[in-house]
Protein backbone atom coordinates (compact mmCIF):
# COMPACT_ATOMS: atom_id res chain seq x y z
CA VAL A 1 -25.36 57.28 63.62
CA ILE A 2 -28.24 58.26 65.25
CA ALA A 3 -29.61 54.48 65.03
CA SER A 4 -26.55 53.66 66.53
CA GLY A 5 -26.33 56.37 69.49
CA CYS A 6 -29.88 55.31 70.37
CA ALA A 7 -28.77 52.04 70.86
CA LYS A 8 -25.98 52.72 73.07
CA ILE A 9 -28.76 54.81 75.20
CA ALA A 10 -30.67 52.24 75.59
CA ARG A 11 -28.23 49.79 76.66
CA LEU A 12 -26.91 52.37 79.42
CA ILE A 13 -30.25 53.09 80.11
CA ARG A 14 -31.50 49.76 80.58
CA PRO A 15 -30.10 49.03 83.92
CA LEU A 16 -32.63 51.94 85.00
CA THR A 17 -35.64 50.47 83.61
CA GLU A 18 -35.13 47.04 85.58
CA GLY A 19 -34.18 48.78 88.93
CA SER A 20 -30.81 49.27 89.32
CA PRO A 21 -28.47 52.17 89.56
CA ILE A 22 -26.46 53.54 86.99
CA SER A 23 -22.65 54.45 87.74
CA GLU A 24 -21.86 57.82 87.06
CA SER A 25 -19.47 57.01 84.13
CA ASP A 26 -22.33 55.52 82.68
CA ARG A 27 -24.42 58.21 83.11
CA GLN A 28 -21.82 60.74 81.38
CA SER A 29 -21.38 58.30 78.53
CA ALA A 30 -25.26 58.15 77.85
CA LEU A 31 -25.33 62.56 78.07
CA ARG A 32 -22.20 62.43 76.08
CA GLU A 33 -24.41 60.21 73.64
CA ILE A 34 -27.74 62.27 74.15
CA ASN A 35 -25.72 65.41 73.19
CA GLN A 36 -23.84 63.79 70.09
CA ILE A 37 -27.57 62.65 69.10
CA HIS A 38 -29.19 66.00 69.73
CA SER A 39 -26.33 67.69 67.45
CA ARG A 40 -26.43 65.20 64.77
CA PHE A 41 -29.95 65.46 64.69
CA SER A 42 -30.26 69.44 64.50
CA GLU A 43 -27.59 69.20 61.82
CA PHE A 44 -29.75 66.77 60.10
CA VAL A 45 -32.85 69.11 60.45
CA ALA A 46 -30.70 71.99 59.10
CA GLU A 47 -29.81 70.18 56.18
CA ASP A 48 -33.16 68.99 56.01
CA ARG A 49 -34.41 72.29 56.31
CA GLU A 50 -32.55 73.51 53.66
CA SER A 51 -32.82 71.13 51.32
CA VAL A 52 -36.88 71.62 51.89
CA SER A 53 -36.01 75.34 51.43
CA SER A 54 -34.43 75.19 48.00
CA ALA A 55 -37.07 72.41 46.94
CA LEU A 56 -39.91 74.78 48.10
CA SER A 57 -37.88 77.82 46.07
CA ALA A 58 -37.64 75.52 42.78
CA LEU A 59 -41.01 74.71 43.25
CA LYS A 60 -42.35 78.33 43.11
CA HIS A 61 -40.39 78.78 40.54
CA ALA A 62 -41.62 76.16 38.62
CA HIS A 63 -44.96 77.14 39.71
CA ALA A 64 -44.61 80.64 38.20
CA ARG A 65 -43.10 79.31 34.97
CA THR A 66 -46.11 77.21 34.61
CA PHE A 67 -48.39 79.94 35.43
CA VAL A 68 -46.72 82.38 32.81
CA TRP A 69 -46.80 79.42 30.11
CA THR A 70 -50.53 78.88 31.14
CA ALA A 71 -51.49 82.49 30.64
CA ILE A 72 -49.37 82.57 27.39
CA ALA A 73 -51.38 79.43 26.36
CA ALA A 74 -54.63 80.68 27.32
CA ALA A 75 -53.75 83.94 25.56
CA ALA A 76 -52.87 82.35 22.01
CA LEU A 77 -55.82 79.97 22.41
CA LEU A 78 -58.27 82.96 22.66
CA ILE A 79 -56.62 85.00 20.53
CA ALA A 80 -57.07 81.67 17.56
CA VAL A 81 -60.83 81.28 18.67
CA GLY A 82 -61.49 84.94 18.14
CA MET A 83 -59.57 84.78 14.85
CA TYR A 84 -61.69 81.38 13.91
CA GLY A 85 -64.41 83.15 15.27
CA ILE A 86 -64.11 86.28 12.94
CA PHE A 87 -63.10 84.39 10.01
CA PHE A 88 -66.05 81.86 10.06
CA TYR A 89 -68.86 85.15 10.91
CA LYS A 90 -67.54 86.51 7.49
CA SER A 91 -67.28 83.41 5.59
CA LEU A 92 -70.96 82.62 6.66
CA MET A 93 -72.20 85.86 6.90
CA SER A 94 -70.90 87.38 3.72
CA PRO A 95 -72.66 85.41 1.54
CA ILE A 96 -75.71 86.44 3.34
CA TYR A 97 -75.19 89.66 3.04
CA GLU A 98 -74.82 89.21 -0.61
CA ILE A 99 -78.23 87.58 -0.88
CA ARG A 100 -79.87 89.53 1.23
CA ASP A 101 -78.72 92.66 -1.55
CA SER A 102 -79.40 90.84 -4.38
CA ILE A 103 -82.98 90.13 -2.96
CA GLN A 104 -83.48 94.38 -2.19
CA ALA A 105 -82.47 94.82 -6.15
CA VAL A 106 -85.11 92.19 -7.47
CA ALA A 107 -87.76 93.58 -5.23
CA ASP A 108 -86.81 97.02 -6.74
CA ALA A 109 -87.10 94.90 -10.46
CA ASN A 110 -83.53 95.00 -10.70
CA PHE A 111 -82.54 91.24 -12.17
CA ALA A 112 -79.48 92.54 -13.82
CA ASN A 113 -76.77 91.59 -10.36
CA PRO A 114 -76.61 87.66 -10.08
CA ILE A 115 -75.14 86.44 -6.73
CA ARG A 116 -71.42 85.49 -7.68
CA TYR A 117 -70.81 82.71 -5.10
CA ALA A 118 -68.91 79.99 -6.19
CA ARG A 119 -68.65 77.78 -3.41
CA ARG A 120 -70.57 74.06 -3.29
CA ASP A 121 -71.87 74.44 -0.04
CA GLU A 122 -75.24 74.96 0.79
CA LEU A 123 -75.32 78.83 0.47
CA GLY A 124 -73.60 78.26 -2.81
CA ARG A 125 -76.93 76.13 -4.09
CA VAL A 126 -79.14 78.86 -2.56
CA ALA A 127 -76.99 81.44 -4.80
CA GLU A 128 -77.43 79.05 -7.86
CA ASP A 129 -81.33 78.70 -7.08
CA PHE A 130 -81.54 82.31 -6.46
CA ASN A 131 -80.07 83.52 -10.13
CA HIS A 132 -81.90 80.41 -11.68
CA MET A 133 -85.04 82.49 -10.32
CA ILE A 134 -83.70 85.85 -11.18
CA SER A 135 -83.37 84.35 -14.96
CA ARG A 136 -86.63 83.26 -15.12
CA LEU A 137 -87.92 86.69 -13.75
CA ASN A 138 -86.21 88.91 -16.16
CA ARG A 139 -87.30 86.93 -18.85
CA MET A 140 -91.08 86.96 -17.26
CA TRP A 141 -90.67 90.91 -16.95
CA GLU A 142 -89.09 91.11 -20.43
CA SER A 143 -91.98 89.27 -21.74
CA MET A 144 -94.56 91.52 -19.38
CA GLU A 145 -92.96 94.53 -20.67
CA ALA A 146 -93.34 93.84 -24.43
CA GLU A 147 -97.11 92.58 -23.65
CA VAL A 148 -97.80 96.24 -22.00
CA GLN A 149 -96.04 98.07 -24.75
CA LYS A 150 -98.34 96.06 -27.37
CA ARG A 151 -101.10 96.65 -25.41
CA THR A 152 -100.32 100.29 -25.03
CA GLU A 153 -99.54 100.68 -28.60
CA GLN A 154 -102.86 98.97 -29.38
CA LEU A 155 -104.79 101.37 -26.85
CA LEU A 156 -103.29 104.20 -28.78
CA MET A 157 -104.61 102.79 -31.70
CA ARG A 158 -108.13 102.11 -30.54
CA GLU A 159 -107.93 105.91 -29.35
CA LYS A 160 -107.09 107.16 -32.54
CA LEU A 161 -109.65 105.09 -34.06
CA ALA A 162 -112.24 106.45 -31.76
CA GLY A 163 -111.27 109.66 -32.37
CA ILE A 164 -111.30 109.13 -35.89
CA GLY A 165 -114.85 107.72 -35.99
CA GLU A 166 -115.94 110.45 -33.19
CA MET A 167 -115.11 113.15 -36.01
CA ALA A 168 -116.71 111.16 -38.89
CA GLY A 169 -119.74 110.77 -36.89
CA ARG A 170 -119.83 114.82 -35.89
CA MET A 171 -118.88 115.62 -39.77
CA ALA A 172 -121.36 113.38 -41.01
CA HIS A 173 -124.10 114.74 -38.37
CA GLU A 174 -122.80 118.14 -39.71
CA LEU A 175 -123.16 117.38 -43.20
CA ASN A 176 -127.10 115.30 -43.01
CA THR A 177 -128.53 118.12 -41.67
CA PRO A 178 -128.07 120.52 -44.26
CA LEU A 179 -128.66 117.15 -47.11
CA ALA A 180 -132.07 116.81 -45.45
CA SER A 181 -132.86 120.20 -45.93
CA VAL A 182 -132.04 119.85 -49.14
CA ALA A 183 -133.79 116.54 -49.57
CA GLY A 184 -137.03 117.84 -47.95
CA CYS A 185 -136.60 120.89 -50.74
CA ALA A 186 -136.13 118.22 -53.71
CA GLU A 187 -139.07 116.28 -52.29
CA GLY A 188 -141.35 119.19 -52.31
CA LEU A 189 -140.40 119.91 -55.68
CA LEU A 190 -140.98 116.77 -56.72
CA LYS A 191 -144.40 116.37 -55.45
CA ARG A 192 -145.33 120.18 -57.32
CA ALA A 193 -143.92 119.16 -60.33
CA PRO A 194 -146.45 117.88 -62.43
């Protein structure tokens, strides 16, 4: 409609561009066409403004929904990452704490607390090797305790025997003194006897 009105106006104005005068009726007709084009253009702009406004409103609502869903997704992701982090921390640190406690027990000469870790990963192998070491240390500890007990009994026996030997020596000295006197007297008597 606007294109056909522009074509009519161009046809009516052409004599002006060629230097010819326009009749009043042509001028009035051109003005009516211009007014019609203007009113149609205003209607078109109003319709476009309304459609642009509704599209912009829909875009704002879509943007708000997208923002809300993005925030929800980000919060869910943060929660999931946090929970995974806590799970990972506990699954890694719990065995390490148990190994540390067992090491402390071994340092206190308590070999009765092996590590109870059943997984077949690196920490499981460390726990298995540590339990094997505890077992060997326990056997060595028991062997050393038995050896200490045996040596202690031997030492006590030596002390008893040393005590008995010392007492026998004192008794021999005590008996030797009077016997030496008696022997001296007996020799003297033997020398006097004819």
